[in-house]
């Protein structure tokens, strides 16, 4: 029975460490991205409207004017994955 308690304590400790390190990708209070700003690979393909009313998309790790292009960058481009 002692080994079961030790095992469950280890699992609980590992879970606490794993959940403590997870950071949100975006939050409701995050600033609106602007054209030309850098963006992360996790945002690749995301489209938003900037403060000037333009639709911009995260591609090649920068917010660029969206004009129908497909997302690109290392996260998708080098793996032969087609999201179109």
PDB file of N, CA and C in Angstrom:
ATOM      1  N   UNK A   1       0.816  -1.200   0.000  1.00  0.00           N
ATOM      2  CA  UNK A   1       0.000   0.000   0.000  1.00  0.00           C
ATOM      3  C   UNK A   1       0.861   1.266   0.000  1.00  0.00           C
ATOM      4  N   UNK A   2       2.021   1.178   0.633  1.00  0.00           N
ATOM      5  CA  UNK A   2       2.913   2.337   0.685  1.00  0.00           C
ATOM      6  C   UNK A   2       3.412   2.703  -0.708  1.00  0.00           C
ATOM      7  N   UNK A   3       3.643   1.668  -1.549  1.00  0.00           N
ATOM      8  CA  UNK A   3       4.125   1.965  -2.902  1.00  0.00           C
ATOM      9  C   UNK A   3       3.043   2.646  -3.742  1.00  0.00           C
ATOM     10  N   UNK A   4       1.782   2.341  -3.486  1.00  0.00           N
ATOM     11  CA  UNK A   4       0.683   2.994  -4.203  1.00  0.00           C
ATOM     12  C   UNK A   4       0.617   4.466  -3.822  1.00  0.00           C
ATOM     13  N   UNK A   5       0.782   4.761  -2.527  1.00  0.00           N
ATOM     14  CA  UNK A   5       0.771   6.159  -2.082  1.00  0.00           C
ATOM     15  C   UNK A   5       1.952   6.932  -2.670  1.00  0.00           C
ATOM     16  N   UNK A   6       3.117   6.310  -2.695  1.00  0.00           N
ATOM     17  CA  UNK A   6       4.303   6.959  -3.251  1.00  0.00           C
ATOM     18  C   UNK A   6       4.106   7.212  -4.744  1.00  0.00           C
ATOM     19  N   UNK A   7       3.557   6.218  -5.428  1.00  0.00           N
ATOM     20  CA  UNK A   7       3.314   6.339  -6.859  1.00  0.00           C
ATOM     21  C   UNK A   7       2.320   7.472  -7.152  1.00  0.00           C
ATOM     22  N   UNK A   8       1.253   7.546  -6.403  1.00  0.00           N
ATOM     23  CA  UNK A   8       0.262   8.603  -6.644  1.00  0.00           C
ATOM     24  C   UNK A   8       0.822   9.975  -6.278  1.00  0.00           C
ATOM     25  N   UNK A   9       1.712  10.041  -5.299  1.00  0.00           N
ATOM     26  CA  UNK A   9       2.362  11.327  -4.974  1.00  0.00           C
ATOM     27  C   UNK A   9       3.262  11.770  -6.122  1.00  0.00           C
ATOM     28  N   UNK A  10       3.979  10.826  -6.716  1.00  0.00           N
ATOM     29  CA  UNK A  10       4.843  11.161  -7.852  1.00  0.00           C
ATOM     30  C   UNK A  10       4.019  11.644  -9.044  1.00  0.00           C
ATOM     31  N   UNK A  11       2.916  10.997  -9.293  1.00  0.00           N
ATOM     32  CA  UNK A  11       2.035  11.413 -10.395  1.00  0.00           C
ATOM     33  C   UNK A  11       1.482  12.802 -10.128  1.00  0.00           C
ATOM     34  N   UNK A  12       1.043  13.050  -8.911  1.00  0.00           N
ATOM     35  CA  UNK A  12       0.504  14.368  -8.559  1.00  0.00           C
ATOM     36  C   UNK A  12       1.567  15.449  -8.705  1.00  0.00           C
ATOM     37  N   UNK A  13       2.793  15.154  -8.282  1.00  0.00           N
ATOM     38  CA  UNK A  13       3.882  16.133  -8.396  1.00  0.00           C
ATOM     39  C   UNK A  13       4.213  16.395  -9.859  1.00  0.00           C
ATOM     40  N   UNK A  14       4.255  15.351 -10.678  1.00  0.00           N
ATOM     41  CA  UNK A  14       4.550  15.516 -12.102  1.00  0.00           C
ATOM     42  C   UNK A  14       3.447  16.320 -12.786  1.00  0.00           C
ATOM     43  N   UNK A  15       2.200  16.070 -12.428  1.00  0.00           N
ATOM     44  CA  UNK A  15       1.079  16.809 -12.996  1.00  0.00           C
ATOM     45  C   UNK A  15       1.162  18.285 -12.609  1.00  0.00           C
ATOM     46  N   UNK A  16       1.507  18.563 -11.358  1.00  0.00           N
ATOM     47  CA  UNK A  16       1.614  19.950 -10.892  1.00  0.00           C
ATOM     48  C   UNK A  16       2.704  20.687 -11.657  1.00  0.00           C
ATOM     49  N   UNK A  17       3.827  20.033 -11.886  1.00  0.00           N
ATOM     50  CA  UNK A  17       4.923  20.663 -12.625  1.00  0.00           C
ATOM     51  C   UNK A  17       4.515  20.880 -14.077  1.00  0.00           C
ATOM     52  N   UNK A  18       3.889  19.883 -14.690  1.00  0.00           N
ATOM     53  CA  UNK A  18       3.497  19.996 -16.096  1.00  0.00           C
ATOM     54  C   UNK A  18       2.467  21.095 -16.318  1.00  0.00           C
ATOM     55  N   UNK A  19       1.519  21.238 -15.442  1.00  0.00           N
ATOM     56  CA  UNK A  19       0.488  22.263 -15.628  1.00  0.00           C
ATOM     57  C   UNK A  19       0.995  23.644 -15.242  1.00  0.00           C
ATOM     58  N   UNK A  20       2.012  23.718 -14.408  1.00  0.00           N
ATOM     59  CA  UNK A  20       2.542  25.016 -14.003  1.00  0.00           C
ATOM     60  C   UNK A  20       3.338  25.669 -15.133  1.00  0.00           C
ATOM     61  N   UNK A  21       3.846  24.884 -16.064  1.00  0.00           N
ATOM     62  CA  UNK A  21       4.683  25.412 -17.122  1.00  0.00           C
ATOM     63  C   UNK A  21       3.888  25.809 -18.360  1.00  0.00           C
ATOM     64  N   UNK A  22       2.655  25.397 -18.485  1.00  0.00           N
ATOM     65  CA  UNK A  22       1.848  25.689 -19.663  1.00  0.00           C
ATOM     66  C   UNK A  22       1.424  27.152 -19.645  1.00  0.00           C
ATOM     67  N   UNK A  23       1.761  27.863 -20.724  1.00  0.00           N
ATOM     68  CA  UNK A  23       1.400  29.269 -20.846  1.00  0.00           C
ATOM     69  C   UNK A  23       0.353  29.424 -21.942  1.00  0.00           C
ATOM     70  N   UNK A  24      -0.584  30.328 -21.775  1.00  0.00           N
ATOM     71  CA  UNK A  24      -1.591  30.516 -22.823  1.00  0.00           C
ATOM     72  C   UNK A  24      -0.976  31.131 -24.071  1.00  0.00           C
ATOM     73  N   UNK A  25      -1.457  30.734 -25.241  1.00  0.00           N
ATOM     74  CA  UNK A  25      -0.985  31.294 -26.504  1.00  0.00           C
ATOM     75  C   UNK A  25      -1.507  32.717 -26.654  1.00  0.00           C
ATOM     76  N   UNK A  26      -2.752  32.922 -26.293  1.00  0.00           N
ATOM     77  CA  UNK A  26      -3.320  34.263 -26.342  1.00  0.00           C
ATOM     78  C   UNK A  26      -4.352  34.398 -25.228  1.00  0.00           C
ATOM     79  N   UNK A  27      -4.598  35.630 -24.844  1.00  0.00           N
ATOM     80  CA  UNK A  27      -5.583  35.893 -23.804  1.00  0.00           C
ATOM     81  C   UNK A  27      -6.539  36.966 -24.298  1.00  0.00           C
ATOM     82  N   UNK A  28      -7.615  37.136 -23.583  1.00  0.00           N
ATOM     83  CA  UNK A  28      -8.609  38.136 -23.974  1.00  0.00           C
ATOM     84  C   UNK A  28      -8.053  39.552 -23.855  1.00  0.00           C
ATOM     85  N   UNK A  29      -7.049  39.757 -23.007  1.00  0.00           N
ATOM     86  CA  UNK A  29      -6.496  41.088 -22.818  1.00  0.00           C
ATOM     87  C   UNK A  29      -5.296  41.358 -23.726  1.00  0.00           C
ATOM     88  N   UNK A  30      -4.964  40.413 -24.596  1.00  0.00           N
ATOM     89  CA  UNK A  30      -3.825  40.601 -25.488  1.00  0.00           C
ATOM     90  C   UNK A  30      -4.093  41.741 -26.465  1.00  0.00           C
ATOM     91  N   UNK A  31      -3.044  42.472 -26.796  1.00  0.00           N
ATOM     92  CA  UNK A  31      -3.169  43.579 -27.738  1.00  0.00           C
ATOM     93  C   UNK A  31      -3.438  43.041 -29.137  1.00  0.00           C
ATOM     94  N   UNK A  32      -4.146  43.812 -29.930  1.00  0.00           N
ATOM     95  CA  UNK A  32      -4.423  43.427 -31.308  1.00  0.00           C
ATOM     96  C   UNK A  32      -3.124  43.488 -32.107  1.00  0.00           C
ATOM     97  N   UNK A  33      -2.793  42.435 -32.854  1.00  0.00           N
ATOM     98  CA  UNK A  33      -1.581  42.472 -33.670  1.00  0.00           C
ATOM     99  C   UNK A  33      -1.665  43.561 -34.731  1.00  0.00           C
ATOM    100  N   UNK A  34      -0.519  44.079 -35.123  1.00  0.00           N
ATOM    101  CA  UNK A  34      -0.453  45.101 -36.159  1.00  0.00           C
ATOM    102  C   UNK A  34       0.403  44.606 -37.315  1.00  0.00           C
ATOM    103  N   UNK A  35       0.171  45.140 -38.475  1.00  0.00           N
ATOM    104  CA  UNK A  35       0.900  44.795 -39.688  1.00  0.00           C
ATOM    105  C   UNK A  35       2.402  44.936 -39.452  1.00  0.00           C
ATOM    106  N   UNK A  36       3.166  43.900 -39.815  1.00  0.00           N
ATOM    107  CA  UNK A  36       4.619  43.942 -39.713  1.00  0.00           C
ATOM    108  C   UNK A  36       5.187  43.437 -38.404  1.00  0.00           C
ATOM    109  N   UNK A  37       4.360  43.292 -37.386  1.00  0.00           N
ATOM    110  CA  UNK A  37       4.859  42.789 -36.110  1.00  0.00           C
ATOM    111  C   UNK A  37       5.198  41.305 -36.232  1.00  0.00           C
ATOM    112  N   UNK A  38       6.147  40.822 -35.416  1.00  0.00           N
ATOM    113  CA  UNK A  38       6.436  39.384 -35.432  1.00  0.00           C
ATOM    114  C   UNK A  38       5.288  38.598 -34.805  1.00  0.00           C
ATOM    115  N   UNK A  39       5.139  37.344 -35.233  1.00  0.00           N
ATOM    116  CA  UNK A  39       4.157  36.444 -34.640  1.00  0.00           C
ATOM    117  C   UNK A  39       4.810  35.082 -34.452  1.00  0.00           C
ATOM    118  N   UNK A  40       4.219  34.249 -33.646  1.00  0.00           N
ATOM    119  CA  UNK A  40       4.813  32.946 -33.339  1.00  0.00           C
ATOM    120  C   UNK A  40       4.309  31.875 -34.298  1.00  0.00           C
ATOM    121  N   UNK A  41       5.015  30.762 -34.328  1.00  0.00           N
ATOM    122  CA  UNK A  41       4.603  29.649 -35.161  1.00  0.00           C
ATOM    123  C   UNK A  41       3.243  29.107 -34.770  1.00  0.00           C
ATOM    124  N   UNK A  42       2.894  29.244 -33.490  1.00  0.00           N
ATOM    125  CA  UNK A  42       1.590  28.776 -33.014  1.00  0.00           C
ATOM    126  C   UNK A  42       0.456  29.604 -33.606  1.00  0.00           C
ATOM    127  N   UNK A  43       0.762  30.834 -34.042  1.00  0.00           N
ATOM    128  CA  UNK A  43      -0.255  31.706 -34.629  1.00  0.00           C
ATOM    129  C   UNK A  43      -0.294  31.611 -36.151  1.00  0.00           C
ATOM    130  N   UNK A  44       0.586  30.815 -36.735  1.00  0.00           N
ATOM    131  CA  UNK A  44       0.681  30.716 -38.184  1.00  0.00           C
ATOM    132  C   UNK A  44      -0.668  30.349 -38.795  1.00  0.00           C
ATOM    133  N   UNK A  45      -1.112  31.149 -39.748  1.00  0.00           N
ATOM    134  CA  UNK A  45      -2.398  30.928 -40.396  1.00  0.00           C
ATOM    135  C   UNK A  45      -3.552  31.664 -39.743  1.00  0.00           C
ATOM    136  N   UNK A  46      -3.326  32.233 -38.574  1.00  0.00           N
ATOM    137  CA  UNK A  46      -4.391  32.971 -37.872  1.00  0.00           C
ATOM    138  C   UNK A  46      -4.650  34.299 -38.583  1.00  0.00           C
ATOM    139  N   UNK A  47      -5.913  34.637 -38.749  1.00  0.00           N
ATOM    140  CA  UNK A  47      -6.306  35.902 -39.373  1.00  0.00           C
ATOM    141  C   UNK A  47      -7.019  36.761 -38.344  1.00  0.00           C
ATOM    142  N   UNK A  48      -6.680  38.040 -38.312  1.00  0.00           N
ATOM    143  CA  UNK A  48      -7.325  39.004 -37.416  1.00  0.00           C
ATOM    144  C   UNK A  48      -7.516  40.318 -38.170  1.00  0.00           C
ATOM    145  N   UNK A  49      -8.275  41.197 -37.587  1.00  0.00           N
ATOM    146  CA  UNK A  49      -8.448  42.541 -38.129  1.00  0.00           C
ATOM    147  C   UNK A  49      -7.614  43.492 -37.285  1.00  0.00           C
ATOM    148  N   UNK A  50      -6.745  44.266 -37.919  1.00  0.00           N
ATOM    149  CA  UNK A  50      -5.902  45.196 -37.168  1.00  0.00           C
ATOM    150  C   UNK A  50      -6.667  46.477 -36.836  1.00  0.00           C
ATOM    151  N   UNK A  51      -5.993  47.405 -36.181  1.00  0.00           N
ATOM    152  CA  UNK A  51      -6.664  48.628 -35.718  1.00  0.00           C
ATOM    153  C   UNK A  51      -7.143  49.518 -36.866  1.00  0.00           C
ATOM    154  N   UNK A  52      -6.611  49.307 -38.069  1.00  0.00           N
ATOM    155  CA  UNK A  52      -7.028  50.106 -39.227  1.00  0.00           C
ATOM    156  C   UNK A  52      -8.089  49.407 -40.056  1.00  0.00           C
ATOM    157  N   UNK A  53      -8.590  48.257 -39.568  1.00  0.00           N
ATOM    158  CA  UNK A  53      -9.664  47.549 -40.249  1.00  0.00           C
ATOM    159  C   UNK A  53      -9.208  46.598 -41.346  1.00  0.00           C
ATOM    160  N   UNK A  54      -7.896  46.391 -41.474  1.00  0.00           N
ATOM    161  CA  UNK A  54      -7.374  45.481 -42.498  1.00  0.00           C
ATOM    162  C   UNK A  54      -7.319  44.061 -41.953  1.00  0.00           C
ATOM    163  N   UNK A  55      -7.573  43.077 -42.803  1.00  0.00           N
ATOM    164  CA  UNK A  55      -7.418  41.687 -42.398  1.00  0.00           C
ATOM    165  C   UNK A  55      -5.956  41.325 -42.591  1.00  0.00           C
ATOM    166  N   UNK A  56      -5.331  40.875 -41.507  1.00  0.00           N
ATOM    167  CA  UNK A  56      -3.933  40.472 -41.569  1.00  0.00           C
ATOM    168  C   UNK A  56      -3.818  39.019 -41.136  1.00  0.00           C
ATOM    169  N   UNK A  57      -2.753  38.354 -41.603  1.00  0.00           N
ATOM    170  CA  UNK A  57      -2.559  36.937 -41.320  1.00  0.00           C
ATOM    171  C   UNK A  57      -1.119  36.708 -40.882  1.00  0.00           C
ATOM    172  N   UNK A  58      -0.938  35.812 -39.915  1.00  0.00           N
ATOM    173  CA  UNK A  58       0.406  35.441 -39.478  1.00  0.00           C
ATOM    174  C   UNK A  58       0.965  34.446 -40.491  1.00  0.00           C
ATOM    175  N   UNK A  59       1.981  34.863 -41.210  1.00  0.00           N
ATOM    176  CA  UNK A  59       2.650  33.983 -42.165  1.00  0.00           C
ATOM    177  C   UNK A  59       4.126  34.369 -42.215  1.00  0.00           C
ATOM    178  N   UNK A  60       4.991  33.370 -42.293  1.00  0.00           N
ATOM    179  CA  UNK A  60       6.446  33.588 -42.255  1.00  0.00           C
ATOM    180  C   UNK A  60       6.866  34.380 -41.013  1.00  0.00           C
ATOM    181  N   UNK A  61       6.179  34.118 -39.903  1.00  0.00           N
ATOM    182  CA  UNK A  61       6.492  34.707 -38.593  1.00  0.00           C
ATOM    183  C   UNK A  61       6.332  36.224 -38.549  1.00  0.00           C
ATOM    184  N   UNK A  62       5.496  36.790 -39.436  1.00  0.00           N
ATOM    185  CA  UNK A  62       5.162  38.215 -39.446  1.00  0.00           C
ATOM    186  C   UNK A  62       3.692  38.374 -39.764  1.00  0.00           C
ATOM    187  N   UNK A  63       3.068  39.426 -39.211  1.00  0.00           N
ATOM    188  CA  UNK A  63       1.692  39.764 -39.575  1.00  0.00           C
ATOM    189  C   UNK A  63       1.746  40.495 -40.906  1.00  0.00           C
ATOM    190  N   UNK A  64       1.078  39.923 -41.914  1.00  0.00           N
ATOM    191  CA  UNK A  64       1.081  40.478 -43.260  1.00  0.00           C
ATOM    192  C   UNK A  64      -0.351  40.675 -43.742  1.00  0.00           C
ATOM    193  N   UNK A  65      -0.537  41.586 -44.700  1.00  0.00           N
ATOM    194  CA  UNK A  65      -1.856  41.811 -45.291  1.00  0.00           C
ATOM    195  C   UNK A  65      -2.353  40.481 -45.853  1.00  0.00           C
ATOM    196  N   UNK A  66      -3.581  40.116 -45.522  1.00  0.00           N
ATOM    197  CA  UNK A  66      -4.162  38.881 -46.044  1.00  0.00           C
ATOM    198  C   UNK A  66      -4.818  39.172 -47.387  1.00  0.00           C
ATOM    199  N   UNK A  67      -4.327  38.494 -48.416  1.00  0.00           N
ATOM    200  CA  UNK A  67      -4.931  38.632 -49.747  1.00  0.00           C
ATOM    201  C   UNK A  67      -5.120  37.256 -50.385  1.00  0.00           C
ATOM    202  N   UNK A  68      -5.503  36.290 -49.554  1.00  0.00           N
ATOM    203  CA  UNK A  68      -5.792  34.962 -50.053  1.00  0.00           C
ATOM    204  C   UNK A  68      -4.634  33.985 -50.021  1.00  0.00           C
ATOM    205  N   UNK A  69      -3.478  34.422 -49.509  1.00  0.00           N
ATOM    206  CA  UNK A  69      -2.327  33.520 -49.495  1.00  0.00           C
ATOM    207  C   UNK A  69      -2.530  32.385 -48.491  1.00  0.00           C
ATOM    208  N   UNK A  70      -1.786  31.333 -48.685  1.00  0.00           N
ATOM    209  CA  UNK A  70      -1.808  30.220 -47.742  1.00  0.00           C
ATOM    210  C   UNK A  70      -0.753  30.459 -46.684  1.00  0.00           C
ATOM    211  N   UNK A  71      -0.984  29.888 -45.518  1.00  0.00           N
ATOM    212  CA  UNK A  71       0.000  30.038 -44.454  1.00  0.00           C
ATOM    213  C   UNK A  71       1.290  29.348 -44.853  1.00  0.00           C
ATOM    214  N   UNK A  72       2.406  29.898 -44.397  1.00  0.00           N
ATOM    215  CA  UNK A  72       3.697  29.291 -44.692  1.00  0.00           C
ATOM    216  C   UNK A  72       4.628  29.555 -43.524  1.00  0.00           C
ATOM    217  N   UNK A  73       5.788  28.968 -43.597  1.00  0.00           N
ATOM    218  CA  UNK A  73       6.767  29.062 -42.526  1.00  0.00           C
ATOM    219  C   UNK A  73       7.267  27.673 -42.200  1.00  0.00           C
ATOM    220  N   UNK A  74       8.242  27.586 -41.338  1.00  0.00           N
ATOM    221  CA  UNK A  74       8.857  26.306 -41.014  1.00  0.00           C
ATOM    222  C   UNK A  74       7.867  25.313 -40.429  1.00  0.00           C
ATOM    223  N   UNK A  75       6.905  25.800 -39.691  1.00  0.00           N
ATOM    224  CA  UNK A  75       5.960  24.897 -39.028  1.00  0.00           C
ATOM    225  C   UNK A  75       5.188  24.068 -40.041  1.00  0.00           C
ATOM    226  N   UNK A  76       4.858  24.630 -41.206  1.00  0.00           N
ATOM    227  CA  UNK A  76       4.052  23.920 -42.188  1.00  0.00           C
ATOM    228  C   UNK A  76       4.798  23.682 -43.504  1.00  0.00           C
ATOM    229  N   UNK A  77       5.548  24.662 -43.970  1.00  0.00           N
ATOM    230  CA  UNK A  77       6.104  24.633 -45.302  1.00  0.00           C
ATOM    231  C   UNK A  77       7.047  23.493 -45.609  1.00  0.00           C
ATOM    232  N   UNK A  78       7.824  23.029 -44.659  1.00  0.00           N
ATOM    233  CA  UNK A  78       8.837  22.016 -44.936  1.00  0.00           C
ATOM    234  C   UNK A  78       8.344  20.602 -44.698  1.00  0.00           C
ATOM    235  N   UNK A  79       7.086  20.402 -44.392  1.00  0.00           N
ATOM    236  CA  UNK A  79       6.601  19.079 -44.060  1.00  0.00           C
ATOM    237  C   UNK A  79       5.620  18.521 -45.073  1.00  0.00           C
ATOM    238  N   UNK A  80       5.351  19.250 -46.121  1.00  0.00           N
ATOM    239  CA  UNK A  80       4.433  18.763 -47.142  1.00  0.00           C
ATOM    240  C   UNK A  80       2.993  18.725 -46.689  1.00  0.00           C
ATOM    241  N   UNK A  81       2.651  19.500 -45.674  1.00  0.00           N
ATOM    242  CA  UNK A  81       1.294  19.525 -45.155  1.00  0.00           C
ATOM    243  C   UNK A  81       0.510  20.594 -45.906  1.00  0.00           C
ATOM    244  N   UNK A  82      -0.634  20.249 -46.423  1.00  0.00           N
ATOM    245  CA  UNK A  82      -1.451  21.203 -47.163  1.00  0.00           C
ATOM    246  C   UNK A  82      -2.726  21.462 -46.374  1.00  0.00           C
ATOM    247  N   UNK A  83      -2.905  22.707 -45.945  1.00  0.00           N
ATOM    248  CA  UNK A  83      -4.081  23.077 -45.164  1.00  0.00           C
ATOM    249  C   UNK A  83      -5.106  23.830 -46.003  1.00  0.00           C
ATOM    250  N   UNK A  84      -4.891  23.899 -47.315  1.00  0.00           N
ATOM    251  CA  UNK A  84      -5.784  24.661 -48.184  1.00  0.00           C
ATOM    252  C   UNK A  84      -6.972  23.879 -48.510  1.00  0.00           C
TER     253      UNK A  84
END
